[in-house]
Amino acid sequence: MLRSFFIALSTNKSMRAFSERSTIGRTMSSRFVAGMSVEEALSACEQLNREGIAASLDSLGESVATEAEAQKSAAIYFQLLDAIESRKLNANVSVKLTQMGMDFDPALAERIVAGMVERADRANSFVRIDMEGSGFTEATVAMTERLNARWPGRVGTVLQAYLFRTESDAERLIAKGIRIRLCKGAYKEPPEIAFPEKSDVDKNYVKLMERMVTSPVFCGIATHDEAIINALRRFVSAHNVPKSAFEFQMLYGIRRDLQRKLVAEGFGVRVYIPFGTEWYPYFMRRLAERPANVLFLAKNFFKS
């Protein structure tokens, strides 16, 4: 119930406008959002790197309506890639296709992202194409395949365990050597195409996770779920899977203690660092994914 409530709020324009203007909204979101500016995000990245944690930088924003807006969003990513190279950061970037014009001009979005991947290639970095709602799944996978054919190993995408189609998508990408980030999924999807029950999503996640870490393609296991993390610990030990075959991926501000613990155990860890003024939809989806975050925020906000 709470999950549906926060997903609905993520698309509520009035609530978004109020929250993004309010001091309370910005203060509460700061737990999960690194800041409003590129420099704040880069500073967060440098701090994580000092702790042995890699980063994926994401300039928040979705569904632009004009080419000018798409190019403005893209300019931030080129700035990030320049900084990754010049500051020698252990980082890559994560980008949403709707932020680059996918809604109104898919060819424009592909040209923009191709430029990013080419820049990432020169910077010895990587572009992760984020997965959005199911209406974009096929186009996202197909674009990733085309770009990887031009710049092998410099681009990957995200697959969502709650979609029925994900197992076949995983095999499709693995066959082409394309790196996958596996997550559970945070958009509202109909039961005709997605598992409605958390237990089924978790079961599918573990199945996909085990397939990915035993494939020849490096993958990102994106979860804060300790039951799943412990299951993977046991699996890699039992099947002699090297820790270099994958990395754990987590969100900025969530389970920092667990991030450090995994690093101390010799696992690779990458933290997704979102930043920017358009933080509201992202923030609401984080609350939808894990309603316990609401209690955490309330406790810390009202603490004297």
Foldseek 3Di string as FASTA:
>chain_A
DLLVVLLVVLPDPVSLVVLLPDPVNVVLCVLFAQEADPVSLVVVQVVCVVLVAAAEEEADDFQDDDQVQLVVRLVSLLVVLVCCQVVVTRYAYEYELNSNPCVPDVVSSLVSVLVSLVSCLVSVHAYEYEDDDPVCVVVSLVSQLVSCVVVPPRYAYEAALFFPCRVVSLVVCLVVQHEYEYYNDQHDDDVVTGPPDPVNSLVSLLVSVLVQLPGQHEYEDEDPDVVSVVVVVVSCVVVVRDLRRYAYEYGRNPPPVVQSVCVVVVHHYYYYHYHHSSCRSVSSSVCSVPVVSVVVSVCVVPDD
